[in-house]
N, C-alpha and C. Protein backbone atom coordinates (compact mmCIF):
# COMPACT_ATOMS: atom_id res chain seq x y z
N UNK A 1 0.93 -1.11 -0.02
CA UNK A 1 0.03 0.19 0.30
C UNK A 1 0.80 1.14 -0.14
N UNK A 2 0.49 2.29 -0.59
CA UNK A 2 1.22 3.81 -0.89
C UNK A 2 0.80 4.63 -0.41
N UNK A 3 1.54 5.47 0.29
CA UNK A 3 0.93 6.19 0.82
C UNK A 3 1.08 7.78 0.08
N UNK A 4 0.06 8.56 0.25
CA UNK A 4 -0.16 9.34 -0.21
C UNK A 4 0.26 11.12 0.44
N UNK A 5 0.59 11.96 -0.26
CA UNK A 5 1.11 13.07 0.33
C UNK A 5 0.02 13.69 1.32
N UNK A 6 -1.00 13.70 0.68
CA UNK A 6 -2.00 14.12 1.94
C UNK A 6 -2.30 13.51 3.27
N UNK A 7 -1.83 12.28 3.24
CA UNK A 7 -1.81 11.65 4.71
C UNK A 7 -0.61 12.44 5.60
N UNK A 8 0.42 12.90 4.77
CA UNK A 8 1.30 13.36 5.60
C UNK A 8 1.65 15.01 5.82
N UNK A 9 1.08 15.47 4.76
CA UNK A 9 1.59 16.90 4.32
C UNK A 9 0.84 17.70 5.60
N UNK A 10 1.49 19.14 5.64
CA UNK A 10 0.88 20.07 6.83
C UNK A 10 -0.25 20.62 5.82
N UNK A 11 -1.21 20.75 6.52
CA UNK A 11 -2.55 21.25 5.76
C UNK A 11 -2.93 22.52 6.37
N UNK A 12 -2.27 23.02 7.56
CA UNK A 12 -2.46 24.53 8.07
C UNK A 12 -1.70 25.64 7.21
N UNK A 13 -1.67 25.41 6.01
CA UNK A 13 -0.95 26.41 5.46
C UNK A 13 -1.41 28.17 5.06
N UNK A 14 -0.24 28.91 5.63
CA UNK A 14 -0.82 30.40 5.86
C UNK A 14 -0.19 30.65 4.45
N UNK A 15 -0.77 31.83 3.83
CA UNK A 15 -0.17 32.42 2.75
C UNK A 15 -0.27 33.86 2.71
N UNK A 16 0.90 34.56 1.59
CA UNK A 16 0.89 35.98 1.81
C UNK A 16 0.55 36.29 0.03
N UNK A 17 0.03 37.59 -0.23
CA UNK A 17 0.33 38.09 -1.22
C UNK A 17 1.55 38.63 -2.05
N UNK A 18 1.08 39.12 -3.09
CA UNK A 18 2.48 39.24 -3.75
C UNK A 18 2.40 40.53 -3.68
N UNK A 19 1.76 41.46 -3.16
CA UNK A 19 1.72 42.96 -3.01
C UNK A 19 2.01 43.07 -1.61
N UNK A 20 2.13 42.19 -0.71
CA UNK A 20 2.67 42.47 0.50
C UNK A 20 3.91 42.78 0.98
N UNK A 21 4.18 43.60 1.72
CA UNK A 21 5.57 44.13 1.95
C UNK A 21 6.71 43.15 2.71
N UNK A 22 7.51 43.19 2.31
CA UNK A 22 8.98 42.31 2.86
C UNK A 22 8.57 42.35 4.57
N UNK A 23 8.74 43.09 4.95
CA UNK A 23 8.50 43.38 6.45
C UNK A 23 7.48 42.57 6.83
N UNK A 24 6.02 42.75 6.48
CA UNK A 24 5.07 42.01 6.92
C UNK A 24 5.55 40.56 6.64
N UNK A 25 5.91 40.31 5.59
CA UNK A 25 5.90 39.10 5.27
C UNK A 25 7.18 38.16 6.19
N UNK A 26 8.06 39.27 6.76
CA UNK A 26 9.35 38.83 7.88
C UNK A 26 8.37 38.28 8.81
N UNK A 27 7.54 39.50 9.45
CA UNK A 27 7.01 39.04 10.54
C UNK A 27 5.75 38.25 10.70
N UNK A 28 5.26 37.72 9.47
CA UNK A 28 4.35 36.31 9.31
C UNK A 28 5.58 34.97 9.82
N UNK A 29 6.66 35.29 8.91
CA UNK A 29 7.35 34.03 9.02
C UNK A 29 7.74 33.69 10.61
N UNK A 30 8.13 34.94 10.94
CA UNK A 30 8.53 34.39 12.62
C UNK A 30 7.46 34.45 13.20
N UNK A 31 6.27 35.10 13.04
CA UNK A 31 5.24 34.72 13.94
C UNK A 31 4.76 33.11 13.87
N UNK A 32 4.97 32.70 12.76
CA UNK A 32 4.39 31.08 12.24
C UNK A 32 5.46 30.51 12.58
N UNK A 33 6.91 30.84 12.83
CA UNK A 33 7.87 30.01 12.81
C UNK A 33 7.87 28.87 11.66
N UNK A 34 7.96 29.70 10.79
CA UNK A 34 8.27 28.96 9.37
C UNK A 34 9.18 29.92 8.56
N UNK A 35 9.84 28.54 7.62
CA UNK A 35 11.03 29.49 6.53
C UNK A 35 10.54 29.63 5.34
N UNK A 36 9.55 29.49 5.28
CA UNK A 36 8.47 30.14 3.63
C UNK A 36 7.18 30.19 3.85
N UNK A 37 6.49 30.89 2.97
CA UNK A 37 5.27 31.04 2.59
C UNK A 37 4.88 31.23 1.13
N UNK A 38 3.84 30.41 0.81
CA UNK A 38 3.47 30.53 -0.45
C UNK A 38 2.86 31.82 -1.00
N UNK A 39 3.16 32.32 -2.11
CA UNK A 39 2.94 33.56 -2.72
C UNK A 39 1.00 33.23 -3.65
N UNK A 40 0.10 33.69 -3.31
CA UNK A 40 -1.23 33.41 -3.46
C UNK A 40 -1.81 34.47 -4.08
N UNK A 41 -2.22 34.68 -5.32
CA UNK A 41 -3.21 35.98 -5.76
C UNK A 41 -4.51 35.27 -7.10
N UNK A 42 -5.21 35.84 -6.22
CA UNK A 42 -6.63 35.49 -6.60
C UNK A 42 -6.95 33.96 -6.71
N UNK A 43 -6.49 33.33 -5.56
CA UNK A 43 -6.66 31.95 -5.11
C UNK A 43 -5.74 31.02 -5.81
N UNK A 44 -4.76 31.43 -6.79
CA UNK A 44 -3.75 30.71 -7.15
C UNK A 44 -2.53 30.98 -6.76
N UNK A 45 -1.42 29.78 -7.00
CA UNK A 45 -0.17 30.04 -6.53
C UNK A 45 0.55 30.71 -7.47
N UNK A 46 1.21 31.91 -7.06
CA UNK A 46 2.54 32.63 -8.15
C UNK A 46 3.65 32.25 -7.94
N UNK A 47 4.17 31.81 -6.68
CA UNK A 47 5.50 31.96 -6.23
C UNK A 47 5.22 31.56 -4.79
N UNK A 48 6.81 31.82 -4.10
CA UNK A 48 7.37 31.42 -2.75
C UNK A 48 8.04 32.15 -2.27
N UNK A 49 7.85 32.71 -0.72
CA UNK A 49 9.02 33.30 -0.44
C UNK A 49 9.79 32.99 0.57
N UNK A 50 10.97 32.90 0.82
CA UNK A 50 11.30 32.08 1.84
C UNK A 50 12.44 33.53 2.77
N UNK A 51 12.57 32.99 4.08
CA UNK A 51 13.34 33.69 4.71
C UNK A 51 14.99 34.16 4.17
N UNK A 52 15.01 33.34 3.46
CA UNK A 52 16.45 33.30 2.56
C UNK A 52 16.01 34.61 1.60
N UNK A 53 15.18 34.52 0.76
CA UNK A 53 15.01 35.41 0.10
C UNK A 53 14.77 36.80 0.32
N UNK A 54 14.29 36.98 1.74
CA UNK A 54 14.16 38.29 2.24
C UNK A 54 15.51 38.90 2.80
N UNK A 55 16.01 37.82 3.65
CA UNK A 55 17.79 38.26 4.12
C UNK A 55 18.65 38.41 2.78
N UNK A 56 18.91 37.52 2.04
CA UNK A 56 19.95 37.00 1.01
C UNK A 56 19.37 38.41 0.03
N UNK A 57 18.71 38.19 -0.79
CA UNK A 57 18.53 38.82 -1.96
C UNK A 57 17.45 39.92 -2.10
N UNK A 58 16.89 40.21 -0.68
CA UNK A 58 16.62 41.55 -0.70
C UNK A 58 17.19 42.40 0.47
N UNK A 59 17.55 42.33 1.76
CA UNK A 59 18.25 43.26 2.81
C UNK A 59 19.69 43.26 1.86
N UNK A 60 20.30 42.18 1.71
CA UNK A 60 21.57 42.13 1.33
C UNK A 60 21.99 43.11 0.11
N UNK A 61 21.23 43.44 -0.82
CA UNK A 61 21.20 44.19 -1.78
C UNK A 61 20.48 45.74 -1.51
N UNK A 62 20.28 45.88 -1.01
CA UNK A 62 19.51 46.86 0.25
C UNK A 62 18.06 47.68 -0.47
N UNK A 63 17.61 46.43 -0.68
CA UNK A 63 15.64 47.01 -0.74
C UNK A 63 15.42 47.02 0.72
N UNK A 64 14.47 47.96 0.57
CA UNK A 64 13.61 48.62 1.73
C UNK A 64 12.68 47.73 1.89
N UNK A 65 12.73 46.92 3.17
CA UNK A 65 11.99 45.88 3.64
C UNK A 65 10.44 46.58 3.64
N UNK A 66 10.25 47.34 4.04
CA UNK A 66 8.79 48.22 4.16
C UNK A 66 8.12 48.84 2.67
N UNK A 67 8.91 48.83 1.66
CA UNK A 67 8.35 49.58 0.77
C UNK A 67 8.71 48.57 -0.44
N UNK A 68 9.37 47.57 -0.42
CA UNK A 68 9.08 46.40 -1.08
C UNK A 68 8.51 45.24 -1.10
N UNK A 69 7.85 44.64 -2.15
CA UNK A 69 6.62 43.85 -2.56
C UNK A 69 7.43 42.90 -2.54
N UNK A 70 6.50 41.51 -2.00
CA UNK A 70 6.93 40.14 -2.25
C UNK A 70 7.12 39.54 -3.46
N UNK A 71 6.23 40.05 -4.64
CA UNK A 71 6.52 39.83 -5.96
C UNK A 71 8.00 40.20 -6.57
N UNK A 72 8.46 41.52 -5.77
CA UNK A 72 10.08 41.97 -6.58
C UNK A 72 11.04 40.77 -6.37
N UNK A 73 10.98 40.02 -5.11
CA UNK A 73 11.90 38.92 -4.66
C UNK A 73 11.69 37.59 -4.42
N UNK A 74 10.51 37.26 -4.75
CA UNK A 74 10.02 35.69 -4.53
C UNK A 74 10.60 34.88 -5.51
N UNK A 75 10.40 33.89 -5.42
CA UNK A 75 10.61 32.73 -6.29
C UNK A 75 9.51 32.36 -7.11
N UNK A 76 9.51 32.77 -8.77
CA UNK A 76 8.37 32.63 -9.34
C UNK A 76 8.19 31.27 -9.62
N UNK A 77 9.74 30.37 -9.87
CA UNK A 77 9.49 29.17 -10.39
C UNK A 77 9.47 28.14 -9.08
N UNK A 78 7.95 27.81 -8.87
CA UNK A 78 7.31 26.75 -7.88
C UNK A 78 7.07 25.76 -8.19
N UNK A 79 7.51 24.64 -7.34
CA UNK A 79 7.29 23.37 -7.59
C UNK A 79 6.53 22.79 -6.68
N UNK A 80 5.53 21.63 -7.41
CA UNK A 80 4.38 21.42 -6.52
C UNK A 80 4.28 19.97 -7.10
N UNK A 81 3.28 19.25 -5.97
CA UNK A 81 2.88 18.07 -6.27
C UNK A 81 1.34 17.78 -6.07
N UNK A 82 0.81 16.87 -6.50
CA UNK A 82 -0.70 17.13 -6.09
C UNK A 82 -1.23 16.04 -4.91
N UNK A 83 -1.90 16.31 -3.92
CA UNK A 83 -2.66 15.79 -2.80
C UNK A 83 -2.26 14.00 -2.98
N UNK A 84 -2.78 13.73 -4.43
CA UNK A 84 -3.17 12.12 -4.43
C UNK A 84 -2.05 11.51 -4.77
N UNK A 85 -0.92 11.96 -5.07
CA UNK A 85 0.68 11.58 -5.46
C UNK A 85 0.79 11.11 -4.22
N UNK A 86 2.22 9.95 -4.96
CA UNK A 86 2.46 8.82 -3.59
C UNK A 86 3.36 9.52 -2.98
N UNK A 87 3.98 9.39 -1.55
CA UNK A 87 5.03 10.62 -1.27
C UNK A 87 6.48 10.09 -2.30
N UNK A 88 6.49 8.86 -2.14
CA UNK A 88 8.08 8.41 -3.29
C UNK A 88 8.34 9.83 -4.43
N UNK A 89 6.61 9.88 -5.10
CA UNK A 89 7.14 11.11 -6.15
C UNK A 89 7.36 12.32 -5.97
N UNK A 90 6.63 12.49 -4.44
CA UNK A 90 6.99 13.95 -4.19
C UNK A 90 8.49 13.94 -3.80
N UNK A 91 8.73 13.28 -2.94
CA UNK A 91 10.40 13.04 -2.74
C UNK A 91 10.93 13.05 -3.81
N UNK A 92 10.87 12.61 -5.08
CA UNK A 92 11.40 12.56 -6.08
C UNK A 92 11.72 13.52 -6.99
N UNK A 93 10.41 14.48 -6.56
CA UNK A 93 10.53 16.16 -7.14
C UNK A 93 11.37 16.99 -6.15
N UNK A 94 11.35 16.81 -5.04
CA UNK A 94 12.09 17.44 -4.28
C UNK A 94 13.61 17.42 -4.11
N UNK A 95 14.00 15.64 -4.46
CA UNK A 95 15.53 15.14 -4.80
C UNK A 95 15.99 16.01 -6.33
N UNK A 96 15.15 15.79 -7.17
CA UNK A 96 15.58 16.57 -8.40
C UNK A 96 15.94 17.86 -8.65
N UNK A 97 15.01 18.72 -7.79
CA UNK A 97 15.08 20.10 -7.88
C UNK A 97 15.85 20.62 -6.63
N UNK A 98 16.11 19.80 -5.79
CA UNK A 98 17.11 20.33 -4.68
C UNK A 98 16.48 21.04 -3.75
N UNK A 99 15.12 21.13 -3.18
CA UNK A 99 14.45 21.86 -2.38
C UNK A 99 13.97 21.27 -1.02
N UNK A 100 13.16 21.71 -0.05
CA UNK A 100 13.24 20.88 1.01
C UNK A 100 11.70 21.03 1.38
N UNK A 101 11.04 21.97 0.87
CA UNK A 101 9.73 21.93 0.75
C UNK A 101 8.79 21.95 -0.79
N UNK A 102 7.62 21.51 -0.68
CA UNK A 102 7.00 21.48 -1.90
C UNK A 102 5.46 21.77 -1.77
N UNK A 103 5.00 22.56 -2.58
CA UNK A 103 3.86 22.90 -2.41
C UNK A 103 2.94 21.94 -2.86
N UNK A 104 1.66 21.46 -2.56
CA UNK A 104 0.55 20.69 -2.46
C UNK A 104 -0.48 21.28 -3.25
N UNK A 105 -1.08 20.86 -4.21
CA UNK A 105 -2.04 21.25 -4.81
C UNK A 105 -3.59 20.28 -4.76
N UNK A 106 -4.57 20.97 -4.91
CA UNK A 106 -5.56 19.68 -4.90
C UNK A 106 -5.96 19.74 -6.44
N UNK A 107 -6.82 18.85 -6.82
CA UNK A 107 -7.36 18.69 -7.97
C UNK A 107 -8.02 20.18 -9.04
N UNK A 108 -8.29 20.95 -7.97
CA UNK A 108 -8.59 22.11 -8.55
C UNK A 108 -7.36 23.45 -8.76
N UNK A 109 -6.05 22.88 -8.43
CA UNK A 109 -4.70 23.50 -8.77
C UNK A 109 -4.85 24.55 -7.78
N UNK A 110 -5.75 24.50 -6.22
CA UNK A 110 -5.63 25.47 -5.21
C UNK A 110 -4.59 24.56 -4.54
N UNK A 111 -3.83 25.87 -3.22
CA UNK A 111 -3.10 25.47 -2.50
C UNK A 111 -3.60 24.25 -1.58
N UNK A 112 -3.27 23.31 -0.94
CA UNK A 112 -4.01 22.54 -0.33
C UNK A 112 -2.99 22.20 1.23
N UNK A 113 -1.86 22.12 0.87
CA UNK A 113 -1.01 22.13 1.88
C UNK A 113 0.43 22.18 1.80
N UNK A 114 1.57 21.82 2.50
CA UNK A 114 2.82 21.56 1.90
C UNK A 114 3.37 20.71 2.68
N UNK A 115 4.38 20.02 2.02
CA UNK A 115 5.17 18.72 2.21
C UNK A 115 6.43 19.21 2.55
N UNK A 116 7.46 18.69 3.60
CA UNK A 116 8.88 18.99 3.79
C UNK A 116 9.02 17.68 4.07
N UNK A 117 10.69 18.23 4.07
CA UNK A 117 11.67 16.77 4.15
C UNK A 117 11.48 16.52 5.88
N UNK A 118 10.95 16.97 6.53
CA UNK A 118 10.02 16.78 7.97
C UNK A 118 9.29 15.86 7.99
N UNK A 119 8.19 16.43 7.23
CA UNK A 119 6.92 15.67 6.91
C UNK A 119 7.41 13.96 6.60
N UNK A 120 8.46 14.07 5.70
CA UNK A 120 8.84 12.58 4.94
C UNK A 120 9.44 12.00 6.26
N UNK A 121 10.48 12.90 7.00
CA UNK A 121 11.18 12.01 7.76
C UNK A 121 10.26 11.18 8.75
N UNK A 122 9.41 11.77 8.67
CA UNK A 122 8.38 11.32 10.17
C UNK A 122 7.93 10.01 9.84
N UNK A 123 7.72 9.28 8.07
CA UNK A 123 7.25 8.36 7.85
C UNK A 123 8.59 7.24 7.49
N UNK A 124 9.74 8.04 6.91
CA UNK A 124 10.56 7.14 6.50
C UNK A 124 11.84 8.05 6.37
N UNK A 125 12.62 7.80 7.61
CA UNK A 125 14.01 8.61 7.68
C UNK A 125 14.93 8.34 6.22
N UNK A 126 15.04 7.05 5.98
CA UNK A 126 15.69 6.60 4.52
C UNK A 126 15.55 7.77 3.69
N UNK A 127 14.08 7.95 3.26
CA UNK A 127 13.28 8.31 2.09
C UNK A 127 13.93 9.76 2.03
N UNK A 128 14.05 10.82 3.65
CA UNK A 128 14.27 12.10 3.91
C UNK A 128 16.19 12.04 3.45
N UNK A 129 16.76 11.15 4.38
CA UNK A 129 17.99 11.30 3.96
C UNK A 129 18.70 11.00 2.61
N UNK A 130 17.73 10.67 1.65
CA UNK A 130 17.96 10.66 0.22
C UNK A 130 18.02 12.15 -0.34
N UNK A 131 17.16 12.44 -0.05
CA UNK A 131 17.12 13.94 -0.58
C UNK A 131 18.17 14.84 -0.12
N UNK A 132 18.50 14.39 1.49
CA UNK A 132 19.71 15.52 2.22
C UNK A 132 20.87 14.99 1.28
N UNK A 133 21.07 13.74 1.19
CA UNK A 133 22.27 13.28 0.56
C UNK A 133 22.51 13.71 -0.68
N UNK A 134 21.46 13.84 -1.42
CA UNK A 134 21.68 14.54 -2.99
C UNK A 134 21.77 16.24 -2.78
N UNK A 135 20.99 16.55 -1.96
CA UNK A 135 21.31 18.25 -1.92
C UNK A 135 22.75 18.34 -1.41
N UNK A 136 23.43 17.41 -0.45
CA UNK A 136 24.54 17.53 0.05
C UNK A 136 26.21 17.48 -0.82
N UNK A 137 25.39 16.68 -1.94
CA UNK A 137 26.23 16.23 -2.69
C UNK A 137 26.43 17.12 -4.10
N UNK A 138 25.59 17.73 -4.77
CA UNK A 138 25.74 19.12 -5.76
C UNK A 138 26.41 20.40 -4.96
N UNK A 139 26.38 20.47 -3.38
CA UNK A 139 27.08 21.83 -3.30
C UNK A 139 28.28 21.62 -3.08
């Protein structure tokens, strides 16, 4: 029996608008104790912003966190999987793209969750270890 993404993903997903300021986004990341937020516009996933995007790509190059919108520094290339996919397929996407979290979409293409390496590790340390080992091998 295969395990589906929806069985282990985090379903309590906060999102941010592309027009939100970096300061508001940093506050949200801190308050939620998460490292990334999906960026949603009119119900559709349009990007993802991480704490690294804010600190490295925005602040380090001198962008004002109060006046800079998320859309200026977010990653527009977002890798996703479907909530009905097998967890091994999700893990393969993460491994292939060297990412630690994956946005999960429902059949209507709306965000329904996030699956992370930590979620996978709760089910299979070996599976999570494979993703991490691949990530370290290419750096």
